[in-house]
Amino acid sequence: MDSPAANAAFAKQINIKFPLLSDMNKKMLREYGILKGYDVQNETYQWAQRSNIVIDKNGVVQHIEEGDSAVDPNTAMSVCVDLHKKQTSK
């Protein structure tokens, strides 16, 4: 849900080099089921479940991690490294 600039600042803060998706129109969040809502005094507010989704070069989802552990990009990076190793060994 954050802007590209906010995502870039967050990536710099946690020292990651891969791009973070900016989904300000919430299309991907809805499609992946990670857009959440909560009600406060008859109004619904939306928030995004923090998630790491690794999609390979063919557009196939290879890994989804949701929740507090998704703040740490190491698991997603490991999945990416493993995918790269599989592709280069072919």
Protein backbone atom coordinates (compact mmCIF):
# COMPACT_ATOMS: atom_id res chain seq x y z
CA MET A 1 0.00 0.00 0.00
CA ASP A 2 3.01 2.26 0.44
CA SER A 3 4.34 4.56 -2.26
CA PRO A 4 7.45 3.65 -4.27
CA ALA A 5 9.39 6.31 -2.35
CA ALA A 6 8.30 4.89 1.03
CA ASN A 7 9.22 1.37 -0.11
CA ALA A 8 12.63 2.57 -1.31
CA ALA A 9 13.29 4.22 2.05
CA PHE A 10 12.24 1.04 3.89
CA ALA A 11 14.45 -1.11 1.63
CA LYS A 12 17.39 1.17 2.33
CA GLN A 13 16.68 1.07 6.07
CA ILE A 14 16.78 -2.73 6.19
CA ASN A 15 19.54 -2.94 3.54
CA ILE A 16 17.85 -4.98 0.83
CA LYS A 17 18.70 -4.66 -2.85
CA PHE A 18 15.66 -6.21 -4.54
CA PRO A 19 12.59 -4.17 -5.53
CA LEU A 20 9.56 -3.86 -3.26
CA LEU A 21 6.15 -3.75 -4.91
CA SER A 22 4.17 -0.57 -4.51
CA ASP A 23 0.47 -1.43 -4.72
CA MET A 24 -1.25 1.80 -3.89
CA ASN A 25 -4.41 0.79 -5.79
CA LYS A 26 -4.49 -2.45 -3.74
CA LYS A 27 -5.12 -4.73 -6.74
CA MET A 28 -2.38 -7.25 -5.91
CA LEU A 29 -3.22 -7.11 -2.20
CA ARG A 30 -6.80 -8.15 -2.98
CA GLU A 31 -5.77 -10.86 -5.46
CA TYR A 32 -3.31 -12.46 -3.03
CA GLY A 33 -5.68 -12.13 -0.08
CA ILE A 34 -3.36 -10.04 2.05
CA LEU A 35 -5.55 -6.93 2.26
CA LYS A 36 -7.15 -6.98 5.69
CA GLY A 37 -9.87 -4.87 7.21
CA TYR A 38 -10.92 -3.87 10.66
CA ASP A 39 -13.95 -1.95 11.84
CA VAL A 40 -13.88 1.04 14.14
CA GLN A 41 -17.11 2.86 14.96
CA ASN A 42 -18.95 1.68 11.81
CA GLU A 43 -16.02 2.45 9.49
CA THR A 44 -13.78 -0.14 7.87
CA TYR A 45 -10.07 0.57 7.66
CA GLN A 46 -7.72 -1.44 5.46
CA TRP A 47 -4.19 -2.61 6.10
CA ALA A 48 -1.84 -4.98 4.31
CA GLN A 49 -0.55 -8.15 5.95
CA ARG A 50 3.23 -7.89 5.60
CA SER A 51 4.20 -10.53 3.08
CA ASN A 52 7.10 -11.73 1.02
CA ILE A 53 6.02 -13.28 -2.27
CA VAL A 54 8.67 -14.74 -4.56
CA ILE A 55 7.56 -15.03 -8.18
CA ASP A 56 9.88 -16.69 -10.68
CA LYS A 57 10.70 -15.46 -14.19
CA ASN A 58 7.77 -17.49 -15.58
CA GLY A 59 5.28 -15.77 -13.27
CA VAL A 60 4.88 -18.78 -10.97
CA VAL A 61 4.58 -18.09 -7.24
CA GLN A 62 7.41 -20.02 -5.58
CA HIS A 63 7.08 -18.84 -1.98
CA ILE A 64 4.71 -16.87 0.25
CA GLU A 65 5.58 -15.78 3.77
CA GLU A 66 3.15 -13.70 5.82
CA GLY A 67 3.19 -12.02 9.20
CA ASP A 68 5.92 -10.82 11.49
CA SER A 69 8.56 -13.13 10.02
CA ALA A 70 8.11 -11.49 6.60
CA VAL A 71 9.94 -8.40 7.89
CA ASP A 72 13.17 -10.39 7.62
CA PRO A 73 13.94 -10.82 3.89
CA ASN A 74 16.41 -13.69 4.43
CA THR A 75 13.93 -16.50 3.70
CA ALA A 76 12.80 -14.86 0.46
CA MET A 77 16.43 -14.28 -0.51
CA SER A 78 17.22 -17.97 0.12
CA VAL A 79 14.32 -18.98 -2.12
CA CYS A 80 15.64 -16.65 -4.84
CA VAL A 81 19.18 -18.05 -4.53
CA ASP A 82 17.85 -21.62 -4.76
CA LEU A 83 15.78 -20.73 -7.85
CA HIS A 84 18.84 -19.15 -9.47
CA LYS A 85 20.95 -22.24 -8.74
CA LYS A 86 18.27 -24.50 -10.29
CA GLN A 87 18.06 -22.33 -13.40
CA THR A 88 21.83 -22.15 -13.94
CA SER A 89 22.28 -25.89 -13.45
CA LYS A 90 19.97 -26.71 -16.37
